[in-house]
Protein backbone atom coordinates (compact mmCIF):
# COMPACT_ATOMS: atom_id res chain seq x y z
CA MET A 1 -62.93 15.69 -25.56
CA ASN A 2 -60.19 17.21 -27.65
CA VAL A 3 -58.77 18.97 -24.59
CA LYS A 4 -58.73 15.73 -22.62
CA LYS A 5 -57.02 13.89 -25.48
CA THR A 6 -54.46 16.64 -25.74
CA TRP A 7 -53.64 16.50 -22.04
CA PHE A 8 -53.54 12.70 -22.18
CA SER A 9 -51.10 12.75 -25.10
CA ALA A 10 -48.93 15.37 -23.37
CA GLY A 11 -48.88 13.24 -20.23
CA GLN A 12 -47.81 10.20 -22.22
CA ILE A 13 -45.02 12.16 -23.89
CA LEU A 14 -43.87 13.58 -20.55
CA LEU A 15 -43.92 10.16 -18.93
CA THR A 16 -41.99 8.71 -21.84
CA LEU A 17 -39.37 11.47 -21.56
CA ILE A 18 -39.03 10.88 -17.81
CA VAL A 19 -38.56 7.12 -18.36
CA VAL A 20 -35.98 7.77 -21.09
CA VAL A 21 -34.05 10.24 -18.91
CA VAL A 22 -34.09 7.86 -15.93
CA ALA A 23 -33.00 4.95 -18.13
CA ALA A 24 -30.21 7.08 -19.62
CA LEU A 25 -29.00 8.08 -16.15
CA VAL A 26 -29.09 4.48 -14.93
CA LEU A 27 -27.27 3.33 -18.07
CA TRP A 28 -24.64 6.05 -17.62
CA ARG A 29 -24.09 5.09 -14.00
CA ILE A 30 -23.72 1.43 -14.97
CA VAL A 31 -21.32 2.21 -17.81
CA ASN A 32 -19.32 4.59 -15.62
CA TYR A 33 -19.10 2.03 -12.82
CA TYR A 34 -18.12 -0.93 -14.96
CA MET A 35 -15.82 0.98 -17.32
CA PHE A 36 -14.14 3.74 -15.31
CA SER A 37 -14.62 3.21 -11.55
CA PRO A 38 -11.47 2.04 -9.71
CA TRP A 39 -12.42 -1.55 -8.91
CA THR A 40 -11.45 -4.96 -10.21
CA ARG A 41 -12.39 -8.59 -9.76
CA ASP A 42 -8.82 -9.60 -10.58
CA GLY A 43 -7.39 -9.49 -7.06
CA ARG A 44 -5.26 -12.00 -5.19
CA VAL A 45 -4.33 -12.52 -1.57
CA ARG A 46 -0.53 -12.55 -1.37
CA ALA A 47 2.09 -13.27 1.29
CA ASP A 48 5.87 -13.59 1.52
CA VAL A 49 7.04 -17.19 1.20
CA ILE A 50 10.49 -17.91 2.65
CA GLN A 51 12.23 -20.94 1.21
CA VAL A 52 14.25 -22.55 3.99
CA ALA A 53 17.46 -24.13 2.72
CA PRO A 54 20.07 -25.72 5.01
CA ASP A 55 23.56 -24.25 5.11
CA VAL A 56 25.08 -27.74 5.42
CA GLY A 57 24.23 -31.08 3.86
CA GLY A 58 23.48 -34.48 5.33
CA LEU A 59 20.80 -36.93 6.36
CA ILE A 60 17.78 -35.67 8.30
CA THR A 61 17.71 -37.43 11.66
CA ARG A 62 14.84 -35.58 13.36
CA VAL A 63 11.76 -33.67 12.25
CA ASP A 64 9.82 -31.62 14.81
CA VAL A 65 7.00 -30.32 12.58
CA VAL A 66 4.20 -31.68 10.42
CA ASP A 67 2.54 -30.56 7.19
CA ASN A 68 0.76 -27.16 7.27
CA GLN A 69 1.76 -26.54 10.89
CA GLN A 70 1.88 -23.04 12.36
CA VAL A 71 5.38 -22.26 13.62
CA LYS A 72 7.05 -19.49 15.58
CA GLN A 73 10.25 -17.66 14.70
CA GLY A 74 13.22 -19.67 15.98
CA GLN A 75 11.24 -22.91 16.36
CA VAL A 76 13.18 -26.04 15.36
CA LEU A 77 11.98 -27.52 12.06
CA PHE A 78 14.38 -30.43 11.56
CA VAL A 79 17.87 -31.57 12.46
CA ILE A 80 20.59 -32.87 10.14
CA ASP A 81 22.94 -35.68 11.21
CA GLN A 82 25.48 -34.07 13.54
CA ALA A 83 28.01 -36.91 13.88
CA ARG A 84 30.27 -35.84 11.01
CA TYR A 85 30.19 -32.18 12.08
CA SER A 86 30.95 -33.09 15.70
CA LEU A 87 34.01 -35.03 14.52
CA ALA A 88 35.08 -32.10 12.35
CA LEU A 89 34.83 -29.82 15.38
CA ARG A 90 36.92 -32.18 17.53
CA LEU A 91 39.55 -32.41 14.78
CA ALA A 92 39.71 -28.63 14.48
CA GLN A 93 40.05 -28.29 18.27
CA ALA A 94 42.88 -30.85 18.32
CA THR A 95 44.68 -29.00 15.54
CA LEU A 96 44.31 -25.76 17.49
CA GLU A 97 45.81 -27.31 20.62
CA GLN A 98 48.72 -28.68 18.60
CA ARG A 99 49.49 -25.30 17.05
CA LYS A 100 49.19 -23.59 20.41
CA ALA A 101 51.80 -26.00 21.80
CA THR A 102 54.11 -25.29 18.86
CA LEU A 103 53.65 -21.56 19.38
CA ALA A 104 54.42 -21.86 23.08
CA GLN A 105 57.63 -23.75 22.27
CA ALA A 106 58.62 -21.08 19.76
CA LYS A 107 58.00 -18.33 22.29
CA ARG A 108 60.12 -20.08 24.95
CA GLU A 109 62.92 -20.51 22.46
CA TYR A 110 62.75 -16.88 21.44
CA ALA A 111 62.74 -15.71 25.06
CA ARG A 112 65.75 -17.91 25.82
CA ASN A 113 67.70 -16.51 22.86
CA ILE A 114 66.96 -12.97 23.97
CA GLY A 115 68.16 -13.81 27.46
CA LEU A 116 71.50 -15.11 26.17
CA GLY A 117 72.23 -11.72 24.62
CA ASN A 118 75.34 -11.55 22.47
CA LEU A 119 75.95 -15.30 22.82
CA VAL A 120 73.28 -15.92 20.16
CA ALA A 121 73.81 -14.84 16.58
CA ALA A 122 71.51 -12.19 15.18
CA GLU A 123 70.45 -14.58 12.43
CA THR A 124 69.42 -17.23 14.93
CA LEU A 125 67.47 -14.66 16.96
CA GLU A 126 65.69 -13.50 13.82
CA GLU A 127 64.79 -17.07 12.86
CA SER A 128 63.32 -17.73 16.30
CA ARG A 129 61.26 -14.54 16.04
CA THR A 130 60.00 -15.68 12.63
CA ARG A 131 58.92 -19.03 14.08
CA VAL A 132 56.92 -17.17 16.72
CA ASP A 133 55.14 -15.11 14.07
CA GLN A 134 54.44 -18.21 12.01
CA GLY A 135 53.13 -20.02 15.08
CA GLU A 136 50.76 -17.16 15.91
CA ALA A 137 49.43 -17.14 12.34
CA ALA A 138 48.98 -20.91 12.39
CA ALA A 139 47.14 -20.73 15.73
CA ALA A 140 44.85 -17.99 14.38
CA ASP A 141 44.10 -20.12 11.32
CA ALA A 142 43.30 -23.11 13.55
CA GLN A 143 40.97 -20.92 15.64
CA VAL A 144 39.10 -19.96 12.47
CA GLN A 145 38.76 -23.65 11.59
CA VAL A 146 37.34 -24.32 15.05
CA ASP A 147 34.83 -21.49 14.73
CA THR A 148 33.81 -22.71 11.26
CA ALA A 149 33.34 -26.27 12.49
CA ARG A 150 31.29 -25.05 15.46
CA LEU A 151 29.16 -22.91 13.13
CA ASN A 152 28.55 -25.87 10.82
CA LEU A 153 27.49 -27.94 13.81
CA GLN A 154 25.04 -25.22 14.87
CA ARG A 155 23.68 -24.97 11.34
CA THR A 156 22.63 -28.62 11.43
CA THR A 157 19.62 -27.46 13.47
CA ILE A 158 17.23 -25.73 11.06
CA VAL A 159 14.83 -23.21 12.64
CA SER A 160 11.95 -21.16 11.26
CA PRO A 161 13.05 -17.67 10.14
CA VAL A 162 9.60 -16.08 10.72
CA ASP A 163 6.23 -16.65 12.33
CA GLY A 164 4.09 -18.43 9.80
CA TYR A 165 2.79 -21.64 8.32
CA LEU A 166 4.63 -24.53 6.70
CA ASN A 167 3.84 -25.64 3.20
CA ASP A 168 1.89 -28.81 2.57
CA ARG A 169 4.92 -31.07 2.86
CA ALA A 170 7.33 -31.13 5.76
CA PRO A 171 10.66 -32.97 5.38
CA ARG A 172 10.91 -36.63 6.36
CA VAL A 173 13.44 -38.47 8.48
CA GLY A 174 16.06 -40.18 6.33
CA GLU A 175 15.97 -37.71 3.47
CA TYR A 176 19.31 -36.37 2.30
CA VAL A 177 19.48 -32.60 1.91
CA THR A 178 22.18 -30.57 0.23
CA ALA A 179 23.45 -27.15 1.21
CA GLY A 180 21.68 -24.27 -0.49
CA ARG A 181 18.73 -26.30 -1.79
CA ALA A 182 15.30 -25.39 -0.38
CA VAL A 183 13.67 -28.13 1.68
CA VAL A 184 10.62 -26.46 3.17
CA ALA A 185 8.73 -23.19 2.67
CA VAL A 186 7.27 -20.98 5.39
CA VAL A 187 4.47 -18.49 4.67
CA ASP A 188 5.06 -15.32 6.70
CA MET A 189 1.84 -14.76 8.63
CA HIS A 190 2.62 -11.05 9.12
CA SER A 191 3.01 -10.30 5.41
CA PHE A 192 -0.49 -10.98 4.09
CA ARG A 193 -1.73 -8.37 1.65
CA VAL A 194 -3.91 -8.06 -1.43
CA ASP A 195 -2.71 -7.29 -4.94
CA GLY A 196 -5.36 -5.83 -7.23
CA TYR A 197 -4.67 -5.87 -10.97
CA PHE A 198 -6.43 -2.77 -12.26
CA GLU A 199 -6.93 -1.86 -15.89
CA GLU A 200 -4.87 1.16 -16.86
CA THR A 201 -8.08 3.05 -17.72
CA ARG A 202 -9.14 2.89 -14.04
CA LEU A 203 -6.01 4.30 -12.42
CA HIS A 204 -7.06 7.98 -12.49
CA GLY A 205 -9.01 7.67 -9.24
CA ILE A 206 -6.43 5.69 -7.25
CA GLN A 207 -4.02 7.41 -4.85
CA ILE A 208 -1.71 6.21 -2.09
CA GLY A 209 -3.52 5.91 1.22
CA GLN A 210 -7.06 5.67 -0.13
CA PRO A 211 -9.36 3.26 1.73
CA VAL A 212 -10.11 0.00 -0.01
CA GLU A 213 -12.83 -2.61 0.42
CA ILE A 214 -11.82 -6.20 -0.32
CA THR A 215 -14.32 -9.00 -0.87
CA VAL A 216 -12.66 -12.41 -0.89
CA MET A 217 -14.47 -15.09 -2.86
CA GLY A 218 -16.45 -17.35 -0.55
CA GLU A 219 -16.49 -14.84 2.34
CA THR A 220 -19.54 -12.79 3.34
CA ARG A 221 -17.76 -10.04 5.28
CA PRO A 222 -15.51 -7.60 3.40
CA LEU A 223 -12.02 -6.69 4.56
CA ARG A 224 -10.75 -3.14 5.04
CA GLY A 225 -7.44 -1.85 3.78
CA HIS A 226 -5.70 1.05 2.09
CA VAL A 227 -3.64 1.56 -1.04
CA GLN A 228 0.00 0.98 -0.10
CA SER A 229 1.76 1.31 -3.45
CA ILE A 230 1.31 1.25 -7.21
CA VAL A 231 3.81 -0.55 -9.36
CA ALA A 232 6.17 1.66 -11.36
CA ALA A 233 6.70 -0.63 -14.38
CA ILE A 234 5.28 -3.70 -16.07
CA GLU A 235 6.70 -6.04 -18.70
CA ASP A 236 6.40 -4.98 -22.34
CA ARG A 237 5.49 -8.20 -24.16
CA ASP A 238 5.82 -6.57 -27.60
CA ARG A 239 9.50 -5.79 -27.05
CA GLN A 240 12.31 -8.29 -26.63
CA ALA A 241 15.99 -8.01 -25.85
CA ALA A 242 18.20 -8.33 -28.91
CA PRO A 243 21.77 -9.70 -28.90
CA ASN A 244 23.13 -6.37 -30.16
CA LEU A 245 21.29 -4.45 -27.37
CA LEU A 246 18.99 -2.74 -29.91
CA PRO A 247 15.21 -2.64 -29.34
CA ASN A 248 13.37 -5.52 -31.01
CA VAL A 249 9.69 -4.53 -31.27
CA ASN A 250 7.04 -6.89 -32.61
CA PRO A 251 5.70 -5.27 -35.85
CA ALA A 252 2.33 -7.04 -35.63
CA PHE A 253 -0.30 -6.49 -32.95
CA SER A 254 -3.92 -7.43 -32.48
CA TRP A 255 -6.59 -5.07 -33.82
CA VAL A 256 -8.30 -4.78 -30.44
CA ARG A 257 -5.89 -3.38 -27.87
CA LEU A 258 -6.75 -4.56 -24.37
CA ALA A 259 -5.97 -2.35 -21.40
CA GLN A 260 -2.86 -3.37 -19.51
CA ARG A 261 -3.21 -4.66 -15.97
CA ILE A 262 -1.40 -2.57 -13.36
CA PRO A 263 -0.71 -4.19 -9.96
CA VAL A 264 -1.82 -2.10 -6.97
CA ARG A 265 -0.75 -3.31 -3.53
CA VAL A 266 -3.30 -3.02 -0.73
CA ALA A 267 -2.30 -3.27 2.94
CA LEU A 268 -4.87 -4.84 5.24
CA ASP A 269 -6.08 -2.64 8.09
CA GLU A 270 -8.27 -5.12 9.93
CA VAL A 271 -8.82 -8.85 9.57
CA PRO A 272 -11.44 -10.77 11.58
CA ALA A 273 -10.07 -13.39 13.92
CA ASP A 274 -12.03 -16.19 12.24
CA PHE A 275 -11.02 -15.16 8.71
CA ARG A 276 -8.95 -17.81 6.91
CA MET A 277 -5.99 -16.10 5.27
CA ILE A 278 -4.71 -18.21 2.38
CA ALA A 279 -2.30 -16.79 -0.15
CA GLY A 280 -3.66 -17.11 -3.66
CA ARG A 281 -7.36 -16.62 -2.88
CA THR A 282 -9.37 -14.56 -5.37
CA ALA A 283 -10.70 -11.18 -4.27
CA THR A 284 -12.62 -8.19 -5.59
CA VAL A 285 -10.87 -4.91 -4.82
CA ALA A 286 -12.77 -1.61 -4.80
CA VAL A 287 -11.12 1.73 -4.04
CA ARG A 288 -13.38 4.14 -2.16
CA THR A 289 -12.82 7.42 -3.99
CA GLU A 290 -15.67 9.20 -2.18
CA ALA A 291 -13.72 9.03 1.10
CA ASN A 292 -10.83 10.83 -0.54
CA ASN A 293 -13.21 13.47 -1.92
CA ASP A 294 -14.68 14.01 1.56
CA ARG A 295 -11.20 14.54 2.99
CA GLN A 296 -10.33 17.02 0.26
CA ALA A 297 -13.58 18.93 0.84
CA ALA A 298 -12.98 19.05 4.60
CA HIS A 299 -9.44 20.29 4.00
CA ALA A 300 -10.75 23.00 1.64
CA ASN A 301 -13.37 24.09 4.18
CA ASN A 302 -10.74 24.34 6.92
CA ALA A 303 -8.49 26.38 4.65
CA SER A 304 -11.31 28.76 3.65
CA GLY A 305 -12.31 29.17 7.30
CA ALA A 306 -8.77 30.09 8.24
CA VAL A 307 -8.58 32.64 5.42
CA ALA A 308 -11.93 34.17 6.43
CA SER A 309 -10.92 34.48 10.06
CA GLN A 310 -7.65 36.23 9.22
CA PRO A 311 -9.30 39.39 7.70
CA ALA A 312 -11.68 39.58 10.65
CA MET A 313 -8.73 39.59 13.01
CA ASN A 314 -6.99 42.22 10.89
CA ALA A 315 -10.14 44.36 10.91
CA SER A 316 -10.49 44.17 14.68
CA ALA A 317 -6.88 45.24 15.18
CA PRO A 318 -7.38 48.93 14.06
CA ALA A 319 -10.53 49.19 16.17
CA ALA A 320 -8.63 48.01 19.19
CA SER A 321 -5.83 50.51 18.53
CA GLN A 322 -8.33 53.36 18.15
CA ALA A 323 -9.95 52.47 21.45
CA ALA A 324 -6.54 52.43 23.11
CA GLY A 325 -5.77 55.93 21.71
CA ALA A 326 -9.09 57.33 22.97
CA SER A 327 -8.45 56.00 26.43
CA GLN A 328 -5.08 57.78 26.50
């Protein structure tokens, strides 16, 4: 009985130790994953947004798009009233014709004075030459005015700069727009990416080119991508710019120092056709460090194989030379 009790107690102790070891390993894996593994829930889908602003001002007379419409590069978005710019072009063209006529008259007068030879005073000949030069300059200035008026007329037709999607409000007919003020925004459909904001304690396992798995909230299938870049600087909120250009550092800080968030840009490798890309969606970003380790191991194996094959080749070289000498 005592032997059985002893074995039973030893079995209980051994089982308890096994459970403790397994629990410790599981706890370590959990702590390592949640504290140090390169992943974050703080990810966002991003895209370039181009604010379209007209180069000229006026009333909108035609709108060819609607809210949230997909557009192509060069597609007409809206047209500004062209009447005033057409009149400006006609006025510039009339001015150009007038100055060309004046220049032609000055050239005929100059040619006639040259033909008269010594009958015309040198001062008069010089004055006629000056009028020709002034006429050419005036005609060139008028040509610039014509080109500017024609350009302004062309700029009354506003087109999409990229392939993309309009924002949720297209312009309306009758609205007055001013030059340089954005009227509509276009989301570039070829610029979608994911920005993951990683804690600075998780950056040690992230390198450029590593594969990334992105899980967008509300989607069942993950997206594939790779690390494109890591930001080189972030804003220091404890330091402000002083008027005398000296550093102004906040002397007080919280007792618990939270890890800074470092933006990591992820380029998308493949996106399903039915996936709805919307800039601003929340995503979980996980960097696959094991793929990088596999590549490094494969590279090391290839390098060791090459080094091992080189001595074998060197060893076979003397044997081959000895065989050649024996044959001679």
